PDB file of N, CA and C in Angstrom:
ATOM      1  N   MET A   1      65.497 129.439  78.017  1.00  0.00           N
ATOM      2  CA  MET A   1      65.426 129.262  79.452  1.00  0.00           C
ATOM      3  C   MET A   1      65.582 130.637  80.106  1.00  0.00           C
ATOM      4  N   THR A   2      64.806 130.901  81.113  1.00  0.00           N
ATOM      5  CA  THR A   2      64.842 132.203  81.774  1.00  0.00           C
ATOM      6  C   THR A   2      65.873 132.225  82.900  1.00  0.00           C
ATOM      7  N   THR A   3      66.239 133.429  83.284  1.00  0.00           N
ATOM      8  CA  THR A   3      67.175 133.593  84.396  1.00  0.00           C
ATOM      9  C   THR A   3      66.588 132.999  85.670  1.00  0.00           C
ATOM     10  N   LYS A   4      65.316 133.229  85.896  1.00  0.00           N
ATOM     11  CA  LYS A   4      64.668 132.723  87.114  1.00  0.00           C
ATOM     12  C   LYS A   4      64.711 131.197  87.163  1.00  0.00           C
ATOM     13  N   LEU A   5      64.365 130.550  86.057  1.00  0.00           N
ATOM     14  CA  LEU A   5      64.376 129.089  86.016  1.00  0.00           C
ATOM     15  C   LEU A   5      65.801 128.554  86.221  1.00  0.00           C
ATOM     16  N   LEU A   6      66.773 129.172  85.553  1.00  0.00           N
ATOM     17  CA  LEU A   6      68.158 128.734  85.731  1.00  0.00           C
ATOM     18  C   LEU A   6      68.609 128.883  87.174  1.00  0.00           C
ATOM     19  N   LEU A   7      68.264 129.998  87.798  1.00  0.00           N
ATOM     20  CA  LEU A   7      68.661 130.216  89.190  1.00  0.00           C
ATOM     21  C   LEU A   7      68.032 129.169  90.107  1.00  0.00           C
ATOM     22  N   ILE A   8      66.797 128.820  89.858  1.00  0.00           N
ATOM     23  CA  ILE A   8      66.137 127.761  90.642  1.00  0.00           C
ATOM     24  C   ILE A   8      66.867 126.434  90.455  1.00  0.00           C
ATOM     25  N   LEU A   9      67.194 126.094  89.197  1.00  0.00           N
ATOM     26  CA  LEU A   9      67.883 124.834  88.918  1.00  0.00           C
ATOM     27  C   LEU A   9      69.280 124.816  89.537  1.00  0.00           C
ATOM     28  N   ILE A  10      69.971 125.945  89.495  1.00  0.00           N
ATOM     29  CA  ILE A  10      71.297 126.034  90.099  1.00  0.00           C
ATOM     30  C   ILE A  10      71.200 125.839  91.611  1.00  0.00           C
ATOM     31  N   ALA A  11      70.226 126.502  92.226  1.00  0.00           N
ATOM     32  CA  ALA A  11      70.045 126.356  93.675  1.00  0.00           C
ATOM     33  C   ALA A  11      69.718 124.905  94.039  1.00  0.00           C
ATOM     34  N   LEU A  12      68.872 124.265  93.252  1.00  0.00           N
ATOM     35  CA  LEU A  12      68.539 122.864  93.503  1.00  0.00           C
ATOM     36  C   LEU A  12      69.760 121.960  93.316  1.00  0.00           C
ATOM     37  N   SER A  13      70.593 122.274  92.337  1.00  0.00           N
ATOM     38  CA  SER A  13      71.814 121.494  92.137  1.00  0.00           C
ATOM     39  C   SER A  13      72.741 121.624  93.344  1.00  0.00           C
ATOM     40  N   GLY A  14      72.866 122.832  93.878  1.00  0.00           N
ATOM     41  CA  GLY A  14      73.700 123.027  95.068  1.00  0.00           C
ATOM     42  C   GLY A  14      73.174 122.248  96.259  1.00  0.00           C
ATOM     43  N   ALA A  15      71.865 122.321  96.480  1.00  0.00           N
ATOM     44  CA  ALA A  15      71.255 121.590  97.594  1.00  0.00           C
ATOM     45  C   ALA A  15      71.401 120.081  97.396  1.00  0.00           C
ATOM     46  N   LEU A  16      71.180 119.627  96.175  1.00  0.00           N
ATOM     47  CA  LEU A  16      71.305 118.200  95.875  1.00  0.00           C
ATOM     48  C   LEU A  16      72.747 117.728  96.076  1.00  0.00           C
ATOM     49  N   CYS A  17      73.689 118.561  95.712  1.00  0.00           N
ATOM     50  CA  CYS A  17      75.099 118.211  95.896  1.00  0.00           C
ATOM     51  C   CYS A  17      75.429 118.002  97.367  1.00  0.00           C
ATOM     52  N   VAL A  18      74.960 118.897  98.204  1.00  0.00           N
ATOM     53  CA  VAL A  18      75.197 118.752  99.649  1.00  0.00           C
ATOM     54  C   VAL A  18      74.542 117.470 100.164  1.00  0.00           C
ATOM     55  N   ALA A  19      73.299 117.233  99.756  1.00  0.00           N
ATOM     56  CA  ALA A  19      72.578 116.041 100.203  1.00  0.00           C
ATOM     57  C   ALA A  19      73.262 114.762  99.715  1.00  0.00           C
ATOM     58  N   LEU A  20      73.678 114.737  98.441  1.00  0.00           N
ATOM     59  CA  LEU A  20      74.328 113.543  97.905  1.00  0.00           C
ATOM     60  C   LEU A  20      75.705 113.325  98.531  1.00  0.00           C
ATOM     61  N   GLY A  21      76.401 114.410  98.831  1.00  0.00           N
ATOM     62  CA  GLY A  21      77.688 114.279  99.523  1.00  0.00           C
ATOM     63  C   GLY A  21      77.519 113.663 100.899  1.00  0.00           C
ATOM     64  N   ALA A  22      76.530 114.140 101.631  1.00  0.00           N
ATOM     65  CA  ALA A  22      76.259 113.594 102.966  1.00  0.00           C
ATOM     66  C   ALA A  22      75.784 112.142 102.873  1.00  0.00           C
ATOM     67  N   PHE A  23      74.944 111.855 101.903  1.00  0.00           N
ATOM     68  CA  PHE A  23      74.443 110.501 101.709  1.00  0.00           C
ATOM     69  C   PHE A  23      75.595 109.540 101.411  1.00  0.00           C
ATOM     70  N   GLY A  24      76.513 109.971 100.558  1.00  0.00           N
ATOM     71  CA  GLY A  24      77.665 109.134 100.226  1.00  0.00           C
ATOM     72  C   GLY A  24      78.580 108.914 101.416  1.00  0.00           C
ATOM     73  N   ALA A  25      78.788 109.971 102.194  1.00  0.00           N
ATOM     74  CA  ALA A  25      79.704 109.877 103.339  1.00  0.00           C
ATOM     75  C   ALA A  25      79.129 109.054 104.479  1.00  0.00           C
ATOM     76  N   HIS A  26      77.823 109.050 104.627  1.00  0.00           N
ATOM     77  CA  HIS A  26      77.219 108.378 105.785  1.00  0.00           C
ATOM     78  C   HIS A  26      76.475 107.094 105.413  1.00  0.00           C
ATOM     79  N   ALA A  27      75.538 107.185 104.503  1.00  0.00           N
ATOM     80  CA  ALA A  27      74.695 106.026 104.197  1.00  0.00           C
ATOM     81  C   ALA A  27      75.395 105.001 103.304  1.00  0.00           C
ATOM     82  N   LEU A  28      76.270 105.465 102.428  1.00  0.00           N
ATOM     83  CA  LEU A  28      76.900 104.540 101.491  1.00  0.00           C
ATOM     84  C   LEU A  28      78.292 104.083 101.913  1.00  0.00           C
ATOM     85  N   ALA A  29      78.845 104.685 102.941  1.00  0.00           N
ATOM     86  CA  ALA A  29      80.235 104.426 103.330  1.00  0.00           C
ATOM     87  C   ALA A  29      80.511 102.954 103.594  1.00  0.00           C
ATOM     88  N   ASP A  30      79.553 102.233 104.128  1.00  0.00           N
ATOM     89  CA  ASP A  30      79.773 100.824 104.459  1.00  0.00           C
ATOM     90  C   ASP A  30      79.338  99.870 103.358  1.00  0.00           C
ATOM     91  N   SER A  31      78.612 100.376 102.361  1.00  0.00           N
ATOM     92  CA  SER A  31      78.083  99.469 101.344  1.00  0.00           C
ATOM     93  C   SER A  31      78.784  99.580  99.988  1.00  0.00           C
ATOM     94  N   LEU A  32      79.595 100.608  99.782  1.00  0.00           N
ATOM     95  CA  LEU A  32      80.311 100.746  98.519  1.00  0.00           C
ATOM     96  C   LEU A  32      81.795 100.459  98.716  1.00  0.00           C
ATOM     97  N   SER A  33      82.435 100.036  97.644  1.00  0.00           N
ATOM     98  CA  SER A  33      83.878  99.812  97.697  1.00  0.00           C
ATOM     99  C   SER A  33      84.589 101.162  97.747  1.00  0.00           C
ATOM    100  N   SER A  34      85.867 101.146  98.047  1.00  0.00           N
ATOM    101  CA  SER A  34      86.619 102.403  98.097  1.00  0.00           C
ATOM    102  C   SER A  34      86.650 103.065  96.716  1.00  0.00           C
ATOM    103  N   SER A  35      86.696 102.275  95.662  1.00  0.00           N
ATOM    104  CA  SER A  35      86.669 102.816  94.298  1.00  0.00           C
ATOM    105  C   SER A  35      85.322 103.473  94.001  1.00  0.00           C
ATOM    106  N   GLN A  36      84.241 102.826  94.401  1.00  0.00           N
ATOM    107  CA  GLN A  36      82.912 103.395  94.188  1.00  0.00           C
ATOM    108  C   GLN A  36      82.734 104.685  94.991  1.00  0.00           C
ATOM    109  N   LEU A  37      83.232 104.709  96.225  1.00  0.00           N
ATOM    110  CA  LEU A  37      83.146 105.920  97.040  1.00  0.00           C
ATOM    111  C   LEU A  37      83.975 107.052  96.435  1.00  0.00           C
ATOM    112  N   ALA A  38      85.121 106.722  95.859  1.00  0.00           N
ATOM    113  CA  ALA A  38      85.945 107.742  95.204  1.00  0.00           C
ATOM    114  C   ALA A  38      85.211 108.327  93.998  1.00  0.00           C
ATOM    115  N   THR A  39      84.520 107.476  93.260  1.00  0.00           N
ATOM    116  CA  THR A  39      83.721 107.944  92.122  1.00  0.00           C
ATOM    117  C   THR A  39      82.608 108.862  92.602  1.00  0.00           C
ATOM    118  N   TRP A  40      81.954 108.480  93.694  1.00  0.00           N
ATOM    119  CA  TRP A  40      80.882 109.292  94.277  1.00  0.00           C
ATOM    120  C   TRP A  40      81.425 110.665  94.702  1.00  0.00           C
ATOM    121  N   ARG A  41      82.568 110.655  95.364  1.00  0.00           N
ATOM    122  CA  ARG A  41      83.183 111.925  95.808  1.00  0.00           C
ATOM    123  C   ARG A  41      83.549 112.814  94.627  1.00  0.00           C
ATOM    124  N   THR A  42      84.075 112.215  93.574  1.00  0.00           N
ATOM    125  CA  THR A  42      84.410 112.977  92.373  1.00  0.00           C
ATOM    126  C   THR A  42      83.155 113.639  91.806  1.00  0.00           C
ATOM    127  N   ALA A  43      82.080 112.894  91.767  1.00  0.00           N
ATOM    128  CA  ALA A  43      80.825 113.446  91.242  1.00  0.00           C
ATOM    129  C   ALA A  43      80.351 114.634  92.079  1.00  0.00           C
ATOM    130  N   THR A  44      80.384 114.502  93.406  1.00  0.00           N
ATOM    131  CA  THR A  44      79.905 115.608  94.245  1.00  0.00           C
ATOM    132  C   THR A  44      80.841 116.814  94.153  1.00  0.00           C
ATOM    133  N   LEU A  45      82.127 116.579  94.066  1.00  0.00           N
ATOM    134  CA  LEU A  45      83.087 117.679  93.960  1.00  0.00           C
ATOM    135  C   LEU A  45      82.888 118.453  92.659  1.00  0.00           C
ATOM    136  N   TYR A  46      82.818 117.737  91.539  1.00  0.00           N
ATOM    137  CA  TYR A  46      82.623 118.394  90.247  1.00  0.00           C
ATOM    138  C   TYR A  46      81.245 119.046  90.165  1.00  0.00           C
ATOM    139  N   GLN A  47      80.251 118.439  90.785  1.00  0.00           N
ATOM    140  CA  GLN A  47      78.924 119.041  90.775  1.00  0.00           C
ATOM    141  C   GLN A  47      78.950 120.387  91.492  1.00  0.00           C
ATOM    142  N   MET A  48      79.601 120.452  92.645  1.00  0.00           N
ATOM    143  CA  MET A  48      79.627 121.718  93.380  1.00  0.00           C
ATOM    144  C   MET A  48      80.425 122.779  92.625  1.00  0.00           C
ATOM    145  N   PHE A  49      81.577 122.412  92.072  1.00  0.00           N
ATOM    146  CA  PHE A  49      82.380 123.376  91.307  1.00  0.00           C
ATOM    147  C   PHE A  49      81.562 123.991  90.172  1.00  0.00           C
ATOM    148  N   HIS A  50      80.860 123.147  89.438  1.00  0.00           N
ATOM    149  CA  HIS A  50      80.152 123.640  88.265  1.00  0.00           C
ATOM    150  C   HIS A  50      78.801 124.262  88.613  1.00  0.00           C
ATOM    151  N   THR A  51      78.256 123.925  89.762  1.00  0.00           N
ATOM    152  CA  THR A  51      77.084 124.649  90.255  1.00  0.00           C
ATOM    153  C   THR A  51      77.487 126.089  90.565  1.00  0.00           C
ATOM    154  N   LEU A  52      78.624 126.245  91.225  1.00  0.00           N
ATOM    155  CA  LEU A  52      79.120 127.593  91.524  1.00  0.00           C
ATOM    156  C   LEU A  52      79.488 128.347  90.249  1.00  0.00           C
ATOM    157  N   ALA A  53      80.058 127.643  89.277  1.00  0.00           N
ATOM    158  CA  ALA A  53      80.391 128.288  87.999  1.00  0.00           C
ATOM    159  C   ALA A  53      79.129 128.765  87.291  1.00  0.00           C
ATOM    160  N   ALA A  54      78.079 127.959  87.299  1.00  0.00           N
ATOM    161  CA  ALA A  54      76.817 128.354  86.666  1.00  0.00           C
ATOM    162  C   ALA A  54      76.226 129.570  87.371  1.00  0.00           C
ATOM    163  N   LEU A  55      76.287 129.572  88.681  1.00  0.00           N
ATOM    164  CA  LEU A  55      75.788 130.717  89.454  1.00  0.00           C
ATOM    165  C   LEU A  55      76.591 131.973  89.140  1.00  0.00           C
ATOM    166  N   PHE A  56      77.893 131.833  89.096  1.00  0.00           N
ATOM    167  CA  PHE A  56      78.779 132.949  88.791  1.00  0.00           C
ATOM    168  C   PHE A  56      78.451 133.551  87.424  1.00  0.00           C
ATOM    169  N   CYS A  57      78.203 132.698  86.439  1.00  0.00           N
ATOM    170  CA  CYS A  57      77.930 133.189  85.081  1.00  0.00           C
ATOM    171  C   CYS A  57      76.644 133.996  85.006  1.00  0.00           C
ATOM    172  N   LEU A  58      75.669 133.660  85.827  1.00  0.00           N
ATOM    173  CA  LEU A  58      74.436 134.451  85.831  1.00  0.00           C
ATOM    174  C   LEU A  58      74.693 135.874  86.302  1.00  0.00           C
ATOM    175  N   GLY A  59      75.743 136.084  87.081  1.00  0.00           N
ATOM    176  CA  GLY A  59      76.061 137.417  87.574  1.00  0.00           C
ATOM    177  C   GLY A  59      76.966 138.214  86.653  1.00  0.00           C
ATOM    178  N   LEU A  60      77.267 137.680  85.488  1.00  0.00           N
ATOM    179  CA  LEU A  60      78.201 138.346  84.583  1.00  0.00           C
ATOM    180  C   LEU A  60      77.548 139.206  83.516  1.00  0.00           C
ATOM    181  N   THR A  61      76.296 139.548  83.678  1.00  0.00           N
ATOM    182  CA  THR A  61      75.601 140.255  82.609  1.00  0.00           C
ATOM    183  C   THR A  61      76.131 141.662  82.368  1.00  0.00           C
ATOM    184  N   HIS A  62      76.992 142.165  83.230  1.00  0.00           N
ATOM    185  CA  HIS A  62      77.648 143.444  82.963  1.00  0.00           C
ATOM    186  C   HIS A  62      78.922 143.250  82.143  1.00  0.00           C
ATOM    187  N   HIS A  63      79.348 142.005  81.998  1.00  0.00           N
ATOM    188  CA  HIS A  63      80.586 141.707  81.289  1.00  0.00           C
ATOM    189  C   HIS A  63      80.363 140.897  80.017  1.00  0.00           C
ATOM    190  N   ILE A  64      79.262 140.165  79.958  1.00  0.00           N
ATOM    191  CA  ILE A  64      78.884 139.428  78.747  1.00  0.00           C
ATOM    192  C   ILE A  64      77.383 139.628  78.545  1.00  0.00           C
ATOM    193  N   LYS A  65      76.912 139.335  77.357  1.00  0.00           N
ATOM    194  CA  LYS A  65      75.486 139.497  77.075  1.00  0.00           C
ATOM    195  C   LYS A  65      74.673 138.503  77.898  1.00  0.00           C
ATOM    196  N   GLN A  66      73.474 138.919  78.294  1.00  0.00           N
ATOM    197  CA  GLN A  66      72.627 138.076  79.140  1.00  0.00           C
ATOM    198  C   GLN A  66      72.332 136.741  78.467  1.00  0.00           C
ATOM    199  N   ARG A  67      72.066 136.771  77.177  1.00  0.00           N
ATOM    200  CA  ARG A  67      71.753 135.532  76.470  1.00  0.00           C
ATOM    201  C   ARG A  67      72.935 134.551  76.539  1.00  0.00           C
ATOM    202  N   ALA A  68      74.158 135.078  76.416  1.00  0.00           N
ATOM    203  CA  ALA A  68      75.342 134.219  76.523  1.00  0.00           C
ATOM    204  C   ALA A  68      75.468 133.666  77.937  1.00  0.00           C
ATOM    205  N   ALA A  69      75.224 134.502  78.947  1.00  0.00           N
ATOM    206  CA  ALA A  69      75.309 134.051  80.344  1.00  0.00           C
ATOM    207  C   ALA A  69      74.320 132.922  80.601  1.00  0.00           C
ATOM    208  N   LEU A  70      73.122 133.037  80.050  1.00  0.00           N
ATOM    209  CA  LEU A  70      72.112 131.987  80.221  1.00  0.00           C
ATOM    210  C   LEU A  70      72.557 130.686  79.555  1.00  0.00           C
ATOM    211  N   LYS A  71      73.094 130.799  78.351  1.00  0.00           N
ATOM    212  CA  LYS A  71      73.546 129.596  77.638  1.00  0.00           C
ATOM    213  C   LYS A  71      74.718 128.928  78.361  1.00  0.00           C
ATOM    214  N   ILE A  72      75.644 129.729  78.853  1.00  0.00           N
ATOM    215  CA  ILE A  72      76.795 129.171  79.559  1.00  0.00           C
ATOM    216  C   ILE A  72      76.343 128.460  80.830  1.00  0.00           C
ATOM    217  N   SER A  73      75.468 129.102  81.595  1.00  0.00           N
ATOM    218  CA  SER A  73      74.956 128.481  82.826  1.00  0.00           C
ATOM    219  C   SER A  73      74.201 127.198  82.515  1.00  0.00           C
ATOM    220  N   ALA A  74      73.395 127.217  81.458  1.00  0.00           N
ATOM    221  CA  ALA A  74      72.657 126.013  81.064  1.00  0.00           C
ATOM    222  C   ALA A  74      73.626 124.904  80.644  1.00  0.00           C
ATOM    223  N   GLY A  75      74.717 125.269  79.979  1.00  0.00           N
ATOM    224  CA  GLY A  75      75.727 124.279  79.596  1.00  0.00           C
ATOM    225  C   GLY A  75      76.380 123.639  80.804  1.00  0.00           C
ATOM    226  N   PHE A  76      76.659 124.457  81.826  1.00  0.00           N
ATOM    227  CA  PHE A  76      77.222 123.901  83.058  1.00  0.00           C
ATOM    228  C   PHE A  76      76.234 122.929  83.707  1.00  0.00           C
ATOM    229  N   LEU A  77      74.957 123.291  83.735  1.00  0.00           N
ATOM    230  CA  LEU A  77      73.949 122.397  84.330  1.00  0.00           C
ATOM    231  C   LEU A  77      73.801 121.100  83.540  1.00  0.00           C
ATOM    232  N   LEU A  78      73.836 121.191  82.215  1.00  0.00           N
ATOM    233  CA  LEU A  78      73.758 119.980  81.394  1.00  0.00           C
ATOM    234  C   LEU A  78      74.965 119.082  81.659  1.00  0.00           C
ATOM    235  N   GLY A  79      76.136 119.688  81.798  1.00  0.00           N
ATOM    236  CA  GLY A  79      77.331 118.919  82.131  1.00  0.00           C
ATOM    237  C   GLY A  79      77.201 118.222  83.475  1.00  0.00           C
ATOM    238  N   ILE A  80      76.617 118.925  84.449  1.00  0.00           N
ATOM    239  CA  ILE A  80      76.387 118.319  85.769  1.00  0.00           C
ATOM    240  C   ILE A  80      75.486 117.094  85.627  1.00  0.00           C
ATOM    241  N   LEU A  81      74.407 117.262  84.888  1.00  0.00           N
ATOM    242  CA  LEU A  81      73.463 116.158  84.713  1.00  0.00           C
ATOM    243  C   LEU A  81      74.138 114.943  84.076  1.00  0.00           C
ATOM    244  N   LEU A  82      74.888 115.170  83.009  1.00  0.00           N
ATOM    245  CA  LEU A  82      75.492 114.055  82.281  1.00  0.00           C
ATOM    246  C   LEU A  82      76.733 113.493  82.976  1.00  0.00           C
ATOM    247  N   PHE A  83      77.669 114.365  83.354  1.00  0.00           N
ATOM    248  CA  PHE A  83      78.918 113.901  83.961  1.00  0.00           C
ATOM    249  C   PHE A  83      78.666 113.338  85.357  1.00  0.00           C
ATOM    250  N   CYS A  84      78.143 114.170  86.230  1.00  0.00           N
ATOM    251  CA  CYS A  84      77.941 113.738  87.621  1.00  0.00           C
ATOM    252  C   CYS A  84      76.873 112.667  87.721  1.00  0.00           C
ATOM    253  N   GLY A  85      75.797 112.849  86.963  1.00  0.00           N
ATOM    254  CA  GLY A  85      74.729 111.849  86.991  1.00  0.00           C
ATOM    255  C   GLY A  85      75.231 110.464  86.622  1.00  0.00           C
ATOM    256  N   SER A  86      76.039 110.392  85.566  1.00  0.00           N
ATOM    257  CA  SER A  86      76.558 109.081  85.166  1.00  0.00           C
ATOM    258  C   SER A  86      77.508 108.516  86.218  1.00  0.00           C
ATOM    259  N   LEU A  87      78.311 109.383  86.854  1.00  0.00           N
ATOM    260  CA  LEU A  87      79.204 108.894  87.917  1.00  0.00           C
ATOM    261  C   LEU A  87      78.420 108.386  89.115  1.00  0.00           C
ATOM    262  N   TYR A  88      77.359 109.084  89.502  1.00  0.00           N
ATOM    263  CA  TYR A  88      76.527 108.609  90.613  1.00  0.00           C
ATOM    264  C   TYR A  88      75.975 107.213  90.295  1.00  0.00           C
ATOM    265  N   PHE A  89      75.465 107.050  89.076  1.00  0.00           N
ATOM    266  CA  PHE A  89      74.906 105.750  88.692  1.00  0.00           C
ATOM    267  C   PHE A  89      75.989 104.666  88.644  1.00  0.00           C
ATOM    268  N   LEU A  90      77.167 105.024  88.130  1.00  0.00           N
ATOM    269  CA  LEU A  90      78.262 104.042  88.093  1.00  0.00           C
ATOM    270  C   LEU A  90      78.672 103.624  89.504  1.00  0.00           C
ATOM    271  N   ALA A  91      78.735 104.586  90.416  1.00  0.00           N
ATOM    272  CA  ALA A  91      79.114 104.274  91.795  1.00  0.00           C
ATOM    273  C   ALA A  91      78.110 103.328  92.441  1.00  0.00           C
ATOM    274  N   LEU A  92      76.859 103.417  92.011  1.00  0.00           N
ATOM    275  CA  LEU A  92      75.813 102.553  92.579  1.00  0.00           C
ATOM    276  C   LEU A  92      75.687 101.221  91.853  1.00  0.00           C
ATOM    277  N   GLY A  93      76.584 100.980  90.879  1.00  0.00           N
ATOM    278  CA  GLY A  93      76.604  99.672  90.229  1.00  0.00           C
ATOM    279  C   GLY A  93      75.941  99.607  88.869  1.00  0.00           C
ATOM    280  N   ALA A  94      75.720 100.741  88.229  1.00  0.00           N
ATOM    281  CA  ALA A  94      75.124 100.732  86.884  1.00  0.00           C
ATOM    282  C   ALA A  94      76.059 100.019  85.912  1.00  0.00           C
ATOM    283  N   PRO A  95      75.523  99.546  84.793  1.00  0.00           N
ATOM    284  CA  PRO A  95      76.385  98.895  83.792  1.00  0.00           C
ATOM    285  C   PRO A  95      77.488  99.842  83.307  1.00  0.00           C
ATOM    286  N   ARG A  96      78.593  99.273  82.913  1.00  0.00           N
ATOM    287  CA  ARG A  96      79.759 100.078  82.519  1.00  0.00           C
ATOM    288  C   ARG A  96      79.470 101.002  81.343  1.00  0.00           C
ATOM    289  N   TRP A  97      78.517 100.653  80.472  1.00  0.00           N
ATOM    290  CA  TRP A  97      78.221 101.502  79.315  1.00  0.00           C
ATOM    291  C   TRP A  97      77.723 102.886  79.741  1.00  0.00           C
ATOM    292  N   VAL A  98      77.213 103.016  80.963  1.00  0.00           N
ATOM    293  CA  VAL A  98      76.777 104.321  81.462  1.00  0.00           C
ATOM    294  C   VAL A  98      77.967 105.288  81.488  1.00  0.00           C
ATOM    295  N   GLY A  99      79.166 104.737  81.650  1.00  0.00           N
ATOM    296  CA  GLY A  99      80.372 105.554  81.641  1.00  0.00           C
ATOM    297  C   GLY A  99      80.620 106.258  80.313  1.00  0.00           C
ATOM    298  N   LEU A 100      79.976 105.816  79.240  1.00  0.00           N
ATOM    299  CA  LEU A 100      80.107 106.488  77.946  1.00  0.00           C
ATOM    300  C   LEU A 100      79.461 107.873  77.959  1.00  0.00           C
ATOM    301  N   ILE A 101      78.559 108.105  78.897  1.00  0.00           N
ATOM    302  CA  ILE A 101      77.865 109.402  79.005  1.00  0.00           C
ATOM    303  C   ILE A 101      78.773 110.433  79.678  1.00  0.00           C
ATOM    304  N   THR A 102      79.643 109.989  80.556  1.00  0.00           N
ATOM    305  CA  THR A 102      80.474 110.889  81.360  1.00  0.00           C
ATOM    306  C   THR A 102      81.265 111.891  80.519  1.00  0.00           C
ATOM    307  N   PRO A 103      81.978 111.471  79.478  1.00  0.00           N
ATOM    308  CA  PRO A 103      82.747 112.450  78.707  1.00  0.00           C
ATOM    309  C   PRO A 103      81.879 113.472  77.968  1.00  0.00           C
ATOM    310  N   ILE A 104      80.649 113.117  77.666  1.00  0.00           N
ATOM    311  CA  ILE A 104      79.750 114.086  77.017  1.00  0.00           C
ATOM    312  C   ILE A 104      79.472 115.236  77.979  1.00  0.00           C
ATOM    313  N   GLY A 105      79.289 114.911  79.254  1.00  0.00           N
ATOM    314  CA  GLY A 105      79.116 115.955  80.266  1.00  0.00           C
ATOM    315  C   GLY A 105      80.365 116.806  80.405  1.00  0.00           C
ATOM    316  N   GLY A 106      81.534 116.164  80.370  1.00  0.00           N
ATOM    317  CA  GLY A 106      82.793 116.904  80.417  1.00  0.00           C
ATOM    318  C   GLY A 106      82.938 117.830  79.215  1.00  0.00           C
ATOM    319  N   LEU A 107      82.489 117.376  78.056  1.00  0.00           N
ATOM    320  CA  LEU A 107      82.523 118.204  76.855  1.00  0.00           C
ATOM    321  C   LEU A 107      81.596 119.422  77.000  1.00  0.00           C
ATOM    322  N   CYS A 108      80.434 119.217  77.619  1.00  0.00           N
ATOM    323  CA  CYS A 108      79.530 120.348  77.893  1.00  0.00           C
ATOM    324  C   CYS A 108      80.231 121.399  78.747  1.00  0.00           C
ATOM    325  N   TRP A 109      80.969 120.956  79.748  1.00  0.00           N
ATOM    326  CA  TRP A 109      81.709 121.892  80.603  1.00  0.00           C
ATOM    327  C   TRP A 109      82.800 122.602  79.822  1.00  0.00           C
ATOM    328  N   LEU A 110      83.553 121.848  79.035  1.00  0.00           N
ATOM    329  CA  LEU A 110      84.626 122.437  78.249  1.00  0.00           C
ATOM    330  C   LEU A 110      84.078 123.504  77.294  1.00  0.00           C
ATOM    331  N   ILE A 111      82.999 123.186  76.614  1.00  0.00           N
ATOM    332  CA  ILE A 111      82.377 124.148  75.699  1.00  0.00           C
ATOM    333  C   ILE A 111      81.882 125.372  76.469  1.00  0.00           C
ATOM    334  N   SER A 112      81.287 125.162  77.634  1.00  0.00           N
ATOM    335  CA  SER A 112      80.793 126.284  78.447  1.00  0.00           C
ATOM    336  C   SER A 112      81.931 127.194  78.876  1.00  0.00           C
ATOM    337  N   TRP A 113      83.040 126.614  79.336  1.00  0.00           N
ATOM    338  CA  TRP A 113      84.189 127.427  79.747  1.00  0.00           C
ATOM    339  C   TRP A 113      84.751 128.209  78.562  1.00  0.00           C
ATOM    340  N   LEU A 114      84.862 127.549  77.403  1.00  0.00           N
ATOM    341  CA  LEU A 114      85.382 128.232  76.212  1.00  0.00           C
ATOM    342  C   LEU A 114      84.418 129.310  75.721  1.00  0.00           C
ATOM    343  N   PHE A 115      83.122 129.047  75.797  1.00  0.00           N
ATOM    344  CA  PHE A 115      82.133 130.046  75.392  1.00  0.00           C
ATOM    345  C   PHE A 115      82.159 131.245  76.343  1.00  0.00           C
ATOM    346  N   LEU A 116      82.451 131.005  77.608  1.00  0.00           N
ATOM    347  CA  LEU A 116      82.610 132.102  78.562  1.00  0.00           C
ATOM    348  C   LEU A 116      83.792 132.980  78.151  1.00  0.00           C
ATOM    349  N   ALA A 117      84.914 132.357  77.805  1.00  0.00           N
ATOM    350  CA  ALA A 117      86.088 133.126  77.366  1.00  0.00           C
ATOM    351  C   ALA A 117      85.773 133.904  76.089  1.00  0.00           C
ATOM    352  N   TYR A 118      85.144 133.238  75.133  1.00  0.00           N
ATOM    353  CA  TYR A 118      84.787 133.890  73.871  1.00  0.00           C
ATOM    354  C   TYR A 118      83.821 135.048  74.096  1.00  0.00           C
ATOM    355  N   SER A 119      82.801 134.824  74.909  1.00  0.00           N
ATOM    356  CA  SER A 119      81.796 135.859  75.166  1.00  0.00           C
ATOM    357  C   SER A 119      82.402 137.065  75.866  1.00  0.00           C
ATOM    358  N   THR A 120      83.335 136.814  76.757  1.00  0.00           N
ATOM    359  CA  THR A 120      84.016 137.907  77.448  1.00  0.00           C
ATOM    360  C   THR A 120      84.871 138.710  76.464  1.00  0.00           C
ATOM    361  N   PHE A 121      85.579 138.001  75.586  1.00  0.00           N
ATOM    362  CA  PHE A 121      86.420 138.659  74.596  1.00  0.00           C
ATOM    363  C   PHE A 121      85.571 139.462  73.604  1.00  0.00           C
ATOM    364  N   LYS A 122      84.449 138.911  73.195  1.00  0.00           N
ATOM    365  CA  LYS A 122      83.613 139.489  72.141  1.00  0.00           C
ATOM    366  C   LYS A 122      82.779 140.672  72.638  1.00  0.00           C
ATOM    367  N   TYR A 123      82.355 140.627  73.883  1.00  0.00           N
ATOM    368  CA  TYR A 123      81.418 141.630  74.395  1.00  0.00           C
ATOM    369  C   TYR A 123      82.087 142.978  74.565  1.00  0.00           C
ATOM    370  N   GLN A 124      81.418 144.015  74.064  1.00  0.00           N
ATOM    371  CA  GLN A 124      81.915 145.384  74.219  1.00  0.00           C
ATOM    372  C   GLN A 124      80.777 146.268  74.681  1.00  0.00           C
ATOM    373  N   ARG A 125      81.045 147.105  75.662  1.00  0.00           N
ATOM    374  CA  ARG A 125      80.046 148.057  76.155  1.00  0.00           C
ATOM    375  C   ARG A 125      80.338 149.403  75.594  1.00  0.00           C
TER     376      ARG A 125
END
């Protein structure tokens, strides 16, 4: 995956997060239960945090190798897709088995954060 493509995907994730947050706060506020709305809010919050983390990692090429920065950013995006995506679907009434996908997204984030630490430790200029 190229830096340009990742940056486009990160920007789209940020825009989508804002749109989904607004949609949840306004359009879904009267049709979802308080538990479903809390799930929706969790998804948008984690999506924004990890969108910013992915963006931040693309700017670390002076501190870690570019290839590592790309992989870490891609891992954050994959986590967003799996973790947040499954929460959005659960909030909208998807079957409970969709919740089995959520921890896989969390694992993607955990691996990305650990790979960031490892890459920072390993990289020498």
